[in-house]
Amino acid sequence: MIPGLSTLHPVMLRFLLRLLLLLAFAAVLTAAGLTYWVVRPLPLPAERVDFSIAPGSGMRTVARTLNEAGIDVQPDLFVALSRGSGLDTQVKAGGYEVRQGDSLWDVLQRMAAGDVTHARITFIEGWTYRQVRDALARHPDVAQTLTDVDDAALLERLGETETHPEGLFYPDTYSFAKGSSDFDILRRAWQAQREQLASAWAERDPEVPWKTPYEMLIMASIVEKETGHSPDRAKVAGVFANRLRINMPLQTDPTVIYGMGESYTGTLTRKHLQIDSRWNTYTRPGLPPTPIANPGRASLQAAAHPEVHKYFYFVSRGDGTSAFSPDLATHNRYVYRYIRGGGQR
């Protein structure tokens, strides 16, 4: 018996007992309602809904983000749940996915565990730096932070000592949390290319004519643009190594095309070969000043291990392979055979 209740009038006592029962019943109903609200499947506008939590977001901001994504959340109750469970301090930034059947508790636990969803982006071997930037700008899951950042500022931010961005980003498929920034993805590609180049340079043949890792990167980019046929890569690199050793111009069309920039319309003529630019290897000796594309691992390895042979010329057969020649007369016969008097390489 609760002290003091025995002295109360029986009517008052019955009233208080009924009130206590009602309060207890209300508490049970409230708890049941809150529990249902926490564990019930969330009503979603689609089978799957994606949303992103920005770094530094508070729980009220998270609740607003959920609502904006079409996930019905009562902000005050959501904040109370996250704080009462202690998960509010564990929620991690990133992209998340809510699926049909998920409860609010499922979503909150997923955010606390950092169980982010991932997107993918692929940079193709032989793409230029500009194509890489365009792919990042078009990707719906990439946060755009470099729109007003020029190339010089980007390279400085990366800690890159070269002054031109071409060739510095490794072509590969990158998986990333939705909402990751374009800079973060570029930094991963830049670091990957540094590692690939360092590894290839360390294992290079000692007789290669390129004097620095950067020169080897330039050669790898030329190989990348000259052939997509893997067995020919090292042989193509060997042709250019032979030419450099005797101070013969490289005369490689892709460098001319790169130097033309946006003025190139898809057809290269003899007149174009005579237009001087820093990248025209018909009018200037030696290697061009920068890479002309982002080379992949196979081209880096070809530049590190050029095939030793006596070829100085090659021409495309039109099927992806090339015909190699030790002298101009043989080369001209191949040119006539395969491209009917086309340009010399």
C-alpha atoms as a PDB file:
ATOM      1  CA  MET A   1       0.000   0.000   0.000  1.00  0.00           C
ATOM      2  CA  ILE A   2       1.289   3.433  -0.923  1.00  0.00           C
ATOM      3  CA  PRO A   3       1.818   5.483   2.273  1.00  0.00           C
ATOM      4  CA  GLY A   4      -1.036   7.909   2.911  1.00  0.00           C
ATOM      5  CA  LEU A   5      -3.554   6.230   0.614  1.00  0.00           C
ATOM      6  CA  SER A   6      -5.299   4.524   3.603  1.00  0.00           C
ATOM      7  CA  THR A   7      -6.271   7.907   5.024  1.00  0.00           C
ATOM      8  CA  LEU A   8      -7.942   9.080   1.811  1.00  0.00           C
ATOM      9  CA  HIS A   9     -11.667   9.030   1.284  1.00  0.00           C
ATOM     10  CA  PRO A  10     -12.687   5.906  -0.668  1.00  0.00           C
ATOM     11  CA  VAL A  11     -13.995   8.013  -3.570  1.00  0.00           C
ATOM     12  CA  MET A  12     -10.739   9.942  -3.787  1.00  0.00           C
ATOM     13  CA  LEU A  13      -8.789   6.734  -3.577  1.00  0.00           C
ATOM     14  CA  ARG A  14     -10.722   5.174  -6.440  1.00  0.00           C
ATOM     15  CA  PHE A  15     -10.148   8.326  -8.486  1.00  0.00           C
ATOM     16  CA  LEU A  16      -6.396   8.303  -7.902  1.00  0.00           C
ATOM     17  CA  LEU A  17      -6.095   4.606  -8.726  1.00  0.00           C
ATOM     18  CA  ARG A  18      -8.039   5.104 -11.949  1.00  0.00           C
ATOM     19  CA  LEU A  19      -5.813   8.088 -12.785  1.00  0.00           C
ATOM     20  CA  LEU A  20      -2.690   6.037 -12.200  1.00  0.00           C
ATOM     21  CA  LEU A  21      -4.048   3.273 -14.376  1.00  0.00           C
ATOM     22  CA  LEU A  22      -4.906   5.754 -17.119  1.00  0.00           C
ATOM     23  CA  LEU A  23      -1.441   7.312 -16.937  1.00  0.00           C
ATOM     24  CA  ALA A  24       0.198   3.904 -17.070  1.00  0.00           C
ATOM     25  CA  PHE A  25      -2.010   2.927 -19.982  1.00  0.00           C
ATOM     26  CA  ALA A  26      -1.180   6.184 -21.767  1.00  0.00           C
ATOM     27  CA  ALA A  27       2.521   5.587 -21.167  1.00  0.00           C
ATOM     28  CA  VAL A  28       2.213   2.087 -22.627  1.00  0.00           C
ATOM     29  CA  LEU A  29       0.350   3.452 -25.635  1.00  0.00           C
ATOM     30  CA  THR A  30       2.926   6.203 -26.108  1.00  0.00           C
ATOM     31  CA  ALA A  31       5.794   3.769 -25.890  1.00  0.00           C
ATOM     32  CA  ALA A  32       4.037   1.420 -28.281  1.00  0.00           C
ATOM     33  CA  GLY A  33       3.383   4.308 -30.667  1.00  0.00           C
ATOM     34  CA  LEU A  34       6.986   5.446 -30.552  1.00  0.00           C
ATOM     35  CA  THR A  35       8.208   1.906 -31.015  1.00  0.00           C
ATOM     36  CA  TYR A  36       5.921   1.462 -34.006  1.00  0.00           C
ATOM     37  CA  TRP A  37       7.125   4.774 -35.451  1.00  0.00           C
ATOM     38  CA  VAL A  38      10.742   3.647 -35.043  1.00  0.00           C
ATOM     39  CA  VAL A  39      10.447   0.107 -36.437  1.00  0.00           C
ATOM     40  CA  ARG A  40       7.635   0.409 -38.985  1.00  0.00           C
ATOM     41  CA  PRO A  41       8.641   0.276 -42.665  1.00  0.00           C
ATOM     42  CA  LEU A  42       9.163   3.793 -43.951  1.00  0.00           C
ATOM     43  CA  PRO A  43       6.789   4.973 -46.684  1.00  0.00           C
ATOM     44  CA  LEU A  44       8.984   5.637 -49.722  1.00  0.00           C
ATOM     45  CA  PRO A  45       8.216   7.306 -53.053  1.00  0.00           C
ATOM     46  CA  ALA A  46      10.191   4.617 -54.903  1.00  0.00           C
ATOM     47  CA  GLU A  47      11.659   1.153 -54.432  1.00  0.00           C
ATOM     48  CA  ARG A  48      15.002   2.716 -53.487  1.00  0.00           C
ATOM     49  CA  VAL A  49      15.769   6.250 -52.382  1.00  0.00           C
ATOM     50  CA  ASP A  50      19.274   7.732 -52.271  1.00  0.00           C
ATOM     51  CA  PHE A  51      20.353  10.629 -50.100  1.00  0.00           C
ATOM     52  CA  SER A  52      23.648  12.156 -49.034  1.00  0.00           C
ATOM     53  CA  ILE A  53      24.763  13.471 -45.654  1.00  0.00           C
ATOM     54  CA  ALA A  54      27.218  16.346 -45.890  1.00  0.00           C
ATOM     55  CA  PRO A  55      30.193  16.449 -43.501  1.00  0.00           C
ATOM     56  CA  GLY A  56      29.378  18.239 -40.248  1.00  0.00           C
ATOM     57  CA  SER A  57      25.606  17.831 -40.542  1.00  0.00           C
ATOM     58  CA  GLY A  58      23.619  17.906 -37.296  1.00  0.00           C
ATOM     59  CA  MET A  59      20.726  15.527 -36.705  1.00  0.00           C
ATOM     60  CA  ARG A  60      18.117  18.156 -37.493  1.00  0.00           C
ATOM     61  CA  THR A  61      19.861  18.765 -40.817  1.00  0.00           C
ATOM     62  CA  VAL A  62      19.890  15.008 -41.410  1.00  0.00           C
ATOM     63  CA  ALA A  63      16.138  14.895 -40.744  1.00  0.00           C
ATOM     64  CA  ARG A  64      15.600  17.715 -43.234  1.00  0.00           C
ATOM     65  CA  THR A  65      17.736  15.881 -45.806  1.00  0.00           C
ATOM     66  CA  LEU A  66      15.619  12.749 -45.365  1.00  0.00           C
ATOM     67  CA  ASN A  67      12.399  14.709 -45.839  1.00  0.00           C
ATOM     68  CA  GLU A  68      13.761  16.438 -48.933  1.00  0.00           C
ATOM     69  CA  ALA A  69      14.569  13.010 -50.383  1.00  0.00           C
ATOM     70  CA  GLY A  70      10.936  11.963 -49.885  1.00  0.00           C
ATOM     71  CA  ILE A  71      11.468   9.972 -46.684  1.00  0.00           C
ATOM     72  CA  ASP A  72       8.806  11.027 -44.153  1.00  0.00           C
ATOM     73  CA  VAL A  73      10.526  11.839 -40.841  1.00  0.00           C
ATOM     74  CA  GLN A  74       9.239  13.912 -37.898  1.00  0.00           C
ATOM     75  CA  PRO A  75      12.316  16.042 -37.062  1.00  0.00           C
ATOM     76  CA  ASP A  76      11.785  16.391 -33.297  1.00  0.00           C
ATOM     77  CA  LEU A  77      11.167  12.686 -32.792  1.00  0.00           C
ATOM     78  CA  PHE A  78      14.084  11.791 -35.069  1.00  0.00           C
ATOM     79  CA  VAL A  79      16.447  14.032 -33.109  1.00  0.00           C
ATOM     80  CA  ALA A  80      15.166  12.590 -29.801  1.00  0.00           C
ATOM     81  CA  LEU A  81      15.628   9.027 -31.068  1.00  0.00           C
ATOM     82  CA  SER A  82      19.167   9.646 -32.323  1.00  0.00           C
ATOM     83  CA  ARG A  83      20.224  11.406 -29.130  1.00  0.00           C
ATOM     84  CA  GLY A  84      18.469   8.976 -26.812  1.00  0.00           C
ATOM     85  CA  SER A  85      20.165   6.034 -28.522  1.00  0.00           C
ATOM     86  CA  GLY A  86      23.547   7.750 -28.512  1.00  0.00           C
ATOM     87  CA  LEU A  87      23.860   7.310 -32.284  1.00  0.00           C
ATOM     88  CA  ASP A  88      23.779  11.038 -33.014  1.00  0.00           C
ATOM     89  CA  THR A  89      27.550  11.303 -32.440  1.00  0.00           C
ATOM     90  CA  GLN A  90      28.300   8.333 -34.683  1.00  0.00           C
ATOM     91  CA  VAL A  91      26.490   9.334 -37.888  1.00  0.00           C
ATOM     92  CA  LYS A  92      28.969   9.561 -40.777  1.00  0.00           C
ATOM     93  CA  ALA A  93      28.863  11.686 -43.899  1.00  0.00           C
ATOM     94  CA  GLY A  94      28.369   9.983 -47.234  1.00  0.00           C
ATOM     95  CA  GLY A  95      25.772   8.576 -49.589  1.00  0.00           C
ATOM     96  CA  TYR A  96      23.109   6.202 -48.310  1.00  0.00           C
ATOM     97  CA  GLU A  97      20.293   4.135 -49.725  1.00  0.00           C
ATOM     98  CA  VAL A  98      16.880   3.423 -48.197  1.00  0.00           C
ATOM     99  CA  ARG A  99      15.013   0.396 -49.516  1.00  0.00           C
ATOM    100  CA  GLN A 100      11.371  -0.638 -49.260  1.00  0.00           C
ATOM    101  CA  GLY A 101      10.881  -2.342 -45.897  1.00  0.00           C
ATOM    102  CA  ASP A 102      13.550  -0.339 -44.086  1.00  0.00           C
ATOM    103  CA  SER A 103      12.579   1.260 -40.781  1.00  0.00           C
ATOM    104  CA  LEU A 104      13.856   4.532 -39.369  1.00  0.00           C
ATOM    105  CA  TRP A 105      15.923   2.505 -36.910  1.00  0.00           C
ATOM    106  CA  ASP A 106      17.496   0.623 -39.835  1.00  0.00           C
ATOM    107  CA  VAL A 107      18.420   3.891 -41.516  1.00  0.00           C
ATOM    108  CA  LEU A 108      19.819   5.441 -38.346  1.00  0.00           C
ATOM    109  CA  GLN A 109      21.958   2.373 -37.643  1.00  0.00           C
ATOM    110  CA  ARG A 110      23.184   2.350 -41.240  1.00  0.00           C
ATOM    111  CA  MET A 111      24.302   5.973 -40.980  1.00  0.00           C
ATOM    112  CA  ALA A 112      26.011   5.319 -37.637  1.00  0.00           C
ATOM    113  CA  ALA A 113      27.865   2.341 -39.098  1.00  0.00           C
ATOM    114  CA  GLY A 114      28.922   4.356 -42.153  1.00  0.00           C
ATOM    115  CA  ASP A 115      27.310   1.781 -44.441  1.00  0.00           C
ATOM    116  CA  VAL A 116      27.443   4.117 -47.408  1.00  0.00           C
ATOM    117  CA  THR A 117      26.300   3.243 -50.908  1.00  0.00           C
ATOM    118  CA  HIS A 118      28.873   3.488 -53.657  1.00  0.00           C
ATOM    119  CA  ALA A 119      28.890   4.735 -57.213  1.00  0.00           C
ATOM    120  CA  ARG A 120      31.440   4.083 -59.938  1.00  0.00           C
ATOM    121  CA  ILE A 121      33.183   6.160 -62.564  1.00  0.00           C
ATOM    122  CA  THR A 122      35.495   4.921 -65.299  1.00  0.00           C
ATOM    123  CA  PHE A 123      38.325   6.873 -66.891  1.00  0.00           C
ATOM    124  CA  ILE A 124      39.206   5.211 -70.203  1.00  0.00           C
ATOM    125  CA  GLU A 125      42.806   4.524 -71.218  1.00  0.00           C
ATOM    126  CA  GLY A 126      43.843   7.190 -73.695  1.00  0.00           C
ATOM    127  CA  TRP A 127      41.388   9.791 -72.456  1.00  0.00           C
ATOM    128  CA  THR A 128      42.729  13.295 -72.138  1.00  0.00           C
ATOM    129  CA  TYR A 129      42.639  15.247 -68.908  1.00  0.00           C
ATOM    130  CA  ARG A 130      39.764  17.306 -70.294  1.00  0.00           C
ATOM    131  CA  GLN A 131      37.708  14.166 -70.936  1.00  0.00           C
ATOM    132  CA  VAL A 132      38.327  13.056 -67.343  1.00  0.00           C
ATOM    133  CA  ARG A 133      37.128  16.414 -66.020  1.00  0.00           C
ATOM    134  CA  ASP A 134      34.056  16.298 -68.274  1.00  0.00           C
ATOM    135  CA  ALA A 135      33.160  12.803 -67.023  1.00  0.00           C
ATOM    136  CA  LEU A 136      33.374  13.997 -63.424  1.00  0.00           C
ATOM    137  CA  ALA A 137      31.266  17.054 -64.185  1.00  0.00           C
ATOM    138  CA  ARG A 138      28.529  14.916 -65.771  1.00  0.00           C
ATOM    139  CA  HIS A 139      28.372  12.267 -63.056  1.00  0.00           C
ATOM    140  CA  PRO A 140      25.196  12.689 -60.962  1.00  0.00           C
ATOM    141  CA  ASP A 141      26.768  11.281 -57.777  1.00  0.00           C
ATOM    142  CA  VAL A 142      29.886  13.468 -57.751  1.00  0.00           C
ATOM    143  CA  ALA A 143      29.895  16.670 -55.692  1.00  0.00           C
ATOM    144  CA  GLN A 144      31.171  19.474 -57.913  1.00  0.00           C
ATOM    145  CA  THR A 145      33.834  21.527 -56.111  1.00  0.00           C
ATOM    146  CA  LEU A 146      36.235  22.354 -58.959  1.00  0.00           C
ATOM    147  CA  THR A 147      33.965  24.324 -61.272  1.00  0.00           C
ATOM    148  CA  ASP A 148      35.855  27.575 -60.731  1.00  0.00           C
ATOM    149  CA  VAL A 149      39.265  26.006 -59.996  1.00  0.00           C
ATOM    150  CA  ASP A 150      41.808  26.352 -62.818  1.00  0.00           C
ATOM    151  CA  ASP A 151      44.381  23.713 -63.685  1.00  0.00           C
ATOM    152  CA  ALA A 152      47.272  25.513 -61.983  1.00  0.00           C
ATOM    153  CA  ALA A 153      45.359  25.781 -58.711  1.00  0.00           C
ATOM    154  CA  LEU A 154      44.324  22.129 -58.922  1.00  0.00           C
ATOM    155  CA  LEU A 155      47.898  20.949 -59.442  1.00  0.00           C
ATOM    156  CA  GLU A 156      49.073  23.096 -56.538  1.00  0.00           C
ATOM    157  CA  ARG A 157      46.377  21.630 -54.323  1.00  0.00           C
ATOM    158  CA  LEU A 158      47.468  18.123 -55.297  1.00  0.00           C
ATOM    159  CA  GLY A 159      51.082  18.934 -54.555  1.00  0.00           C
ATOM    160  CA  GLU A 160      52.085  18.217 -58.160  1.00  0.00           C
ATOM    161  CA  THR A 161      55.362  19.736 -59.389  1.00  0.00           C
ATOM    162  CA  GLU A 162      54.513  19.481 -63.095  1.00  0.00           C
ATOM    163  CA  THR A 163      52.743  22.490 -64.548  1.00  0.00           C
ATOM    164  CA  HIS A 164      50.506  20.657 -67.041  1.00  0.00           C
ATOM    165  CA  PRO A 165      47.795  18.199 -65.936  1.00  0.00           C
ATOM    166  CA  GLU A 166      47.833  15.929 -68.985  1.00  0.00           C
ATOM    167  CA  GLY A 167      48.797  12.314 -68.344  1.00  0.00           C
ATOM    168  CA  LEU A 168      48.840  12.596 -64.560  1.00  0.00           C
ATOM    169  CA  PHE A 169      45.614  10.671 -63.846  1.00  0.00           C
ATOM    170  CA  TYR A 170      45.495   6.896 -63.979  1.00  0.00           C
ATOM    171  CA  PRO A 171      42.725   5.467 -66.179  1.00  0.00           C
ATOM    172  CA  ASP A 172      40.714   2.965 -64.159  1.00  0.00           C
ATOM    173  CA  THR A 173      37.287   2.344 -62.625  1.00  0.00           C
ATOM    174  CA  TYR A 174      36.912   4.089 -59.283  1.00  0.00           C
ATOM    175  CA  SER A 175      34.291   3.182 -56.690  1.00  0.00           C
ATOM    176  CA  PHE A 176      33.287   6.011 -54.385  1.00  0.00           C
ATOM    177  CA  ALA A 177      30.682   6.976 -51.820  1.00  0.00           C
ATOM    178  CA  LYS A 178      27.900   8.966 -53.409  1.00  0.00           C
ATOM    179  CA  GLY A 179      28.449  12.626 -52.702  1.00  0.00           C
ATOM    180  CA  SER A 180      32.240  12.356 -52.851  1.00  0.00           C
ATOM    181  CA  SER A 181      33.892  15.411 -54.372  1.00  0.00           C
ATOM    182  CA  ASP A 182      35.438  15.611 -57.827  1.00  0.00           C
ATOM    183  CA  PHE A 183      38.709  16.604 -56.170  1.00  0.00           C
ATOM    184  CA  ASP A 184      38.790  13.488 -53.977  1.00  0.00           C
ATOM    185  CA  ILE A 185      38.313  11.229 -57.002  1.00  0.00           C
ATOM    186  CA  LEU A 186      40.906  13.110 -59.051  1.00  0.00           C
ATOM    187  CA  ARG A 187      43.359  12.871 -56.169  1.00  0.00           C
ATOM    188  CA  ARG A 188      42.941   9.077 -56.110  1.00  0.00           C
ATOM    189  CA  ALA A 189      43.565   8.882 -59.872  1.00  0.00           C
ATOM    190  CA  TRP A 190      46.589  11.189 -59.538  1.00  0.00           C
ATOM    191  CA  GLN A 191      48.061   9.123 -56.714  1.00  0.00           C
ATOM    192  CA  ALA A 192      47.451   5.898 -58.643  1.00  0.00           C
ATOM    193  CA  GLN A 193      49.289   7.271 -61.690  1.00  0.00           C
ATOM    194  CA  ARG A 194      52.220   8.372 -59.524  1.00  0.00           C
ATOM    195  CA  GLU A 195      52.483   4.867 -58.102  1.00  0.00           C
ATOM    196  CA  GLN A 196      52.189   3.172 -61.499  1.00  0.00           C
ATOM    197  CA  LEU A 197      54.804   5.481 -63.010  1.00  0.00           C
ATOM    198  CA  ALA A 198      57.213   5.049 -60.098  1.00  0.00           C
ATOM    199  CA  SER A 199      56.902   1.278 -60.308  1.00  0.00           C
ATOM    200  CA  ALA A 200      57.426   1.185 -64.091  1.00  0.00           C
ATOM    201  CA  TRP A 201      60.389   3.567 -63.874  1.00  0.00           C
ATOM    202  CA  ALA A 202      62.053   1.524 -61.143  1.00  0.00           C
ATOM    203  CA  GLU A 203      61.806  -1.622 -63.296  1.00  0.00           C
ATOM    204  CA  ARG A 204      62.651   0.000 -66.658  1.00  0.00           C
ATOM    205  CA  ASP A 205      65.228  -1.379 -69.046  1.00  0.00           C
ATOM    206  CA  PRO A 206      68.489   0.492 -68.423  1.00  0.00           C
ATOM    207  CA  GLU A 207      68.956   1.368 -72.104  1.00  0.00           C
ATOM    208  CA  VAL A 208      65.735   3.341 -72.603  1.00  0.00           C
ATOM    209  CA  PRO A 209      66.415   6.760 -74.184  1.00  0.00           C
ATOM    210  CA  TRP A 210      63.984   8.683 -71.983  1.00  0.00           C
ATOM    211  CA  LYS A 211      65.892  10.329 -69.152  1.00  0.00           C
ATOM    212  CA  THR A 212      63.216  10.927 -66.495  1.00  0.00           C
ATOM    213  CA  PRO A 213      59.975   9.325 -65.307  1.00  0.00           C
ATOM    214  CA  TYR A 214      58.077  12.227 -66.858  1.00  0.00           C
ATOM    215  CA  GLU A 215      59.681  11.604 -70.264  1.00  0.00           C
ATOM    216  CA  MET A 216      58.660   7.959 -69.950  1.00  0.00           C
ATOM    217  CA  LEU A 217      55.107   9.093 -69.138  1.00  0.00           C
ATOM    218  CA  ILE A 218      55.142  11.195 -72.313  1.00  0.00           C
ATOM    219  CA  MET A 219      56.239   8.196 -74.356  1.00  0.00           C
ATOM    220  CA  ALA A 220      53.634   5.959 -72.713  1.00  0.00           C
ATOM    221  CA  SER A 221      50.925   8.454 -73.690  1.00  0.00           C
ATOM    222  CA  ILE A 222      52.095   8.347 -77.322  1.00  0.00           C
ATOM    223  CA  VAL A 223      52.054   4.557 -77.305  1.00  0.00           C
ATOM    224  CA  GLU A 224      48.547   4.671 -75.810  1.00  0.00           C
ATOM    225  CA  LYS A 225      47.254   6.815 -78.663  1.00  0.00           C
ATOM    226  CA  GLU A 226      49.161   5.015 -81.422  1.00  0.00           C
ATOM    227  CA  THR A 227      47.874   1.482 -80.812  1.00  0.00           C
ATOM    228  CA  GLY A 228      45.224  -0.359 -78.872  1.00  0.00           C
ATOM    229  CA  HIS A 229      46.669  -3.731 -79.868  1.00  0.00           C
ATOM    230  CA  SER A 230      48.494  -4.989 -76.792  1.00  0.00           C
ATOM    231  CA  PRO A 231      51.110  -7.143 -78.593  1.00  0.00           C
ATOM    232  CA  ASP A 232      52.182  -4.070 -80.620  1.00  0.00           C
ATOM    233  CA  ARG A 233      52.685  -1.646 -77.715  1.00  0.00           C
ATOM    234  CA  ALA A 234      56.281  -2.545 -76.865  1.00  0.00           C
ATOM    235  CA  LYS A 235      57.141  -2.726 -80.572  1.00  0.00           C
ATOM    236  CA  VAL A 236      55.733   0.791 -81.140  1.00  0.00           C
ATOM    237  CA  ALA A 237      57.737   2.058 -78.168  1.00  0.00           C
ATOM    238  CA  GLY A 238      60.794   0.422 -79.745  1.00  0.00           C
ATOM    239  CA  VAL A 239      60.236   2.337 -82.999  1.00  0.00           C
ATOM    240  CA  PHE A 240      60.247   5.669 -81.169  1.00  0.00           C
ATOM    241  CA  ALA A 241      63.249   4.642 -79.066  1.00  0.00           C
ATOM    242  CA  ASN A 242      65.139   3.858 -82.282  1.00  0.00           C
ATOM    243  CA  ARG A 243      64.213   7.235 -83.759  1.00  0.00           C
ATOM    244  CA  LEU A 244      65.279   9.163 -80.676  1.00  0.00           C
ATOM    245  CA  ARG A 245      68.657   7.421 -80.606  1.00  0.00           C
ATOM    246  CA  ILE A 246      69.514   8.708 -84.094  1.00  0.00           C
ATOM    247  CA  ASN A 247      67.823  12.123 -83.621  1.00  0.00           C
ATOM    248  CA  MET A 248      65.146  11.242 -86.138  1.00  0.00           C
ATOM    249  CA  PRO A 249      61.855  13.149 -85.679  1.00  0.00           C
ATOM    250  CA  LEU A 250      59.181  11.065 -84.016  1.00  0.00           C
ATOM    251  CA  GLN A 251      56.595  12.117 -86.619  1.00  0.00           C
ATOM    252  CA  THR A 252      53.635  10.747 -84.701  1.00  0.00           C
ATOM    253  CA  ASP A 253      50.196  11.962 -85.764  1.00  0.00           C
ATOM    254  CA  PRO A 254      48.530  11.867 -82.309  1.00  0.00           C
ATOM    255  CA  THR A 255      50.893  14.558 -81.016  1.00  0.00           C
ATOM    256  CA  VAL A 256      49.910  16.840 -83.893  1.00  0.00           C
ATOM    257  CA  ILE A 257      46.231  16.201 -83.199  1.00  0.00           C
ATOM    258  CA  TYR A 258      46.722  16.987 -79.515  1.00  0.00           C
ATOM    259  CA  GLY A 259      48.433  20.269 -80.379  1.00  0.00           C
ATOM    260  CA  MET A 260      45.515  21.245 -82.625  1.00  0.00           C
ATOM    261  CA  GLY A 261      43.128  21.086 -79.666  1.00  0.00           C
ATOM    262  CA  GLU A 262      39.507  21.842 -80.494  1.00  0.00           C
ATOM    263  CA  SER A 263      40.371  22.865 -84.053  1.00  0.00           C
ATOM    264  CA  TYR A 264      40.838  19.203 -84.957  1.00  0.00           C
ATOM    265  CA  THR A 265      37.688  18.008 -86.712  1.00  0.00           C
ATOM    266  CA  GLY A 266      38.537  14.350 -87.260  1.00  0.00           C
ATOM    267  CA  THR A 267      40.656  14.519 -90.418  1.00  0.00           C
ATOM    268  CA  LEU A 268      44.404  15.069 -90.398  1.00  0.00           C
ATOM    269  CA  THR A 269      45.942  16.433 -93.616  1.00  0.00           C
ATOM    270  CA  ARG A 270      49.497  17.028 -94.775  1.00  0.00           C
ATOM    271  CA  LYS A 271      48.890  20.733 -94.247  1.00  0.00           C
ATOM    272  CA  HIS A 272      48.181  20.087 -90.566  1.00  0.00           C
ATOM    273  CA  LEU A 273      51.528  18.314 -90.227  1.00  0.00           C
ATOM    274  CA  GLN A 274      53.280  21.532 -91.245  1.00  0.00           C
ATOM    275  CA  ILE A 275      51.527  23.756 -88.682  1.00  0.00           C
ATOM    276  CA  ASP A 276      54.050  24.254 -85.922  1.00  0.00           C
ATOM    277  CA  SER A 277      53.032  23.753 -82.307  1.00  0.00           C
ATOM    278  CA  ARG A 278      54.801  22.604 -79.162  1.00  0.00           C
ATOM    279  CA  TRP A 279      53.382  19.133 -79.767  1.00  0.00           C
ATOM    280  CA  ASN A 280      54.066  18.828 -83.508  1.00  0.00           C
ATOM    281  CA  THR A 281      56.683  16.072 -83.699  1.00  0.00           C
ATOM    282  CA  TYR A 282      56.977  16.621 -87.454  1.00  0.00           C
ATOM    283  CA  THR A 283      58.295  20.170 -87.051  1.00  0.00           C
ATOM    284  CA  ARG A 284      60.085  19.752 -83.688  1.00  0.00           C
ATOM    285  CA  PRO A 285      62.668  17.161 -82.665  1.00  0.00           C
ATOM    286  CA  GLY A 286      62.514  14.895 -79.652  1.00  0.00           C
ATOM    287  CA  LEU A 287      59.617  14.263 -77.324  1.00  0.00           C
ATOM    288  CA  PRO A 288      56.686  16.696 -77.027  1.00  0.00           C
ATOM    289  CA  PRO A 289      56.722  18.847 -73.869  1.00  0.00           C
ATOM    290  CA  THR A 290      53.927  16.962 -72.089  1.00  0.00           C
ATOM    291  CA  PRO A 291      51.942  13.745 -72.352  1.00  0.00           C
ATOM    292  CA  ILE A 292      49.082  13.803 -74.829  1.00  0.00           C
ATOM    293  CA  ALA A 293      46.701  11.533 -72.891  1.00  0.00           C
ATOM    294  CA  ASN A 294      46.411   9.459 -69.743  1.00  0.00           C
ATOM    295  CA  PRO A 295      48.223   6.170 -70.403  1.00  0.00           C
ATOM    296  CA  GLY A 296      47.263   2.944 -68.699  1.00  0.00           C
ATOM    297  CA  ARG A 297      49.500   0.317 -67.157  1.00  0.00           C
ATOM    298  CA  ALA A 298      50.118  -1.605 -70.407  1.00  0.00           C
ATOM    299  CA  SER A 299      51.453   1.486 -72.166  1.00  0.00           C
ATOM    300  CA  LEU A 300      53.584   2.439 -69.155  1.00  0.00           C
ATOM    301  CA  GLN A 301      55.086  -1.037 -69.196  1.00  0.00           C
ATOM    302  CA  ALA A 302      55.707  -0.794 -72.946  1.00  0.00           C
ATOM    303  CA  ALA A 303      57.543   2.502 -72.449  1.00  0.00           C
ATOM    304  CA  ALA A 304      59.558   0.962 -69.635  1.00  0.00           C
ATOM    305  CA  HIS A 305      60.421  -2.090 -71.749  1.00  0.00           C
ATOM    306  CA  PRO A 306      60.478  -1.071 -75.434  1.00  0.00           C
ATOM    307  CA  GLU A 307      61.098  -3.982 -77.747  1.00  0.00           C
ATOM    308  CA  VAL A 308      64.606  -4.141 -79.156  1.00  0.00           C
ATOM    309  CA  HIS A 309      64.421  -4.382 -82.967  1.00  0.00           C
ATOM    310  CA  LYS A 310      65.501  -2.608 -86.173  1.00  0.00           C
ATOM    311  CA  TYR A 311      62.172  -1.030 -87.110  1.00  0.00           C
ATOM    312  CA  PHE A 312      61.862   2.716 -87.729  1.00  0.00           C
ATOM    313  CA  TYR A 313      58.395   2.852 -89.295  1.00  0.00           C
ATOM    314  CA  PHE A 314      54.954   1.390 -88.798  1.00  0.00           C
ATOM    315  CA  VAL A 315      51.536   1.801 -90.357  1.00  0.00           C
ATOM    316  CA  SER A 316      48.084   0.621 -89.335  1.00  0.00           C
ATOM    317  CA  ARG A 317      46.699  -2.355 -91.194  1.00  0.00           C
ATOM    318  CA  GLY A 318      43.176  -1.174 -90.468  1.00  0.00           C
ATOM    319  CA  ASP A 319      42.349  -4.099 -88.188  1.00  0.00           C
ATOM    320  CA  GLY A 320      43.990  -2.745 -85.042  1.00  0.00           C
ATOM    321  CA  THR A 321      47.413  -4.213 -85.775  1.00  0.00           C
ATOM    322  CA  SER A 322      50.390  -2.477 -87.404  1.00  0.00           C
ATOM    323  CA  ALA A 323      52.912  -3.375 -90.088  1.00  0.00           C
ATOM    324  CA  PHE A 324      56.495  -2.523 -89.092  1.00  0.00           C
ATOM    325  CA  SER A 325      59.340  -1.652 -91.450  1.00  0.00           C
ATOM    326  CA  PRO A 326      63.108  -1.225 -91.065  1.00  0.00           C
ATOM    327  CA  ASP A 327      63.390   1.264 -93.944  1.00  0.00           C
ATOM    328  CA  LEU A 328      61.369   3.872 -95.811  1.00  0.00           C
ATOM    329  CA  ALA A 329      61.026   1.877 -99.016  1.00  0.00           C
ATOM    330  CA  THR A 330      59.375  -1.041 -97.229  1.00  0.00           C
ATOM    331  CA  HIS A 331      57.235   1.346 -95.236  1.00  0.00           C
ATOM    332  CA  ASN A 332      55.982   3.062 -98.389  1.00  0.00           C
ATOM    333  CA  ARG A 333      54.933  -0.299 -99.827  1.00  0.00           C
ATOM    334  CA  TYR A 334      52.943  -0.986 -96.671  1.00  0.00           C
ATOM    335  CA  VAL A 335      51.400   2.460 -96.832  1.00  0.00           C
ATOM    336  CA  TYR A 336      50.274   1.845-100.391  1.00  0.00           C
ATOM    337  CA  ARG A 337      48.936  -1.582 -99.464  1.00  0.00           C
ATOM    338  CA  TYR A 338      47.017  -0.613 -96.340  1.00  0.00           C
ATOM    339  CA  ILE A 339      46.001   3.017 -96.735  1.00  0.00           C
ATOM    340  CA  ARG A 340      46.586   3.632-100.446  1.00  0.00           C
ATOM    341  CA  GLY A 341      49.246   6.302-100.267  1.00  0.00           C
ATOM    342  CA  GLY A 342      48.298   7.711 -96.830  1.00  0.00           C
ATOM    343  CA  GLY A 343      50.533   9.744 -94.585  1.00  0.00           C
ATOM    344  CA  GLN A 344      53.911   8.533 -93.330  1.00  0.00           C
ATOM    345  CA  ARG A 345      54.659   7.576 -89.752  1.00  0.00           C
END
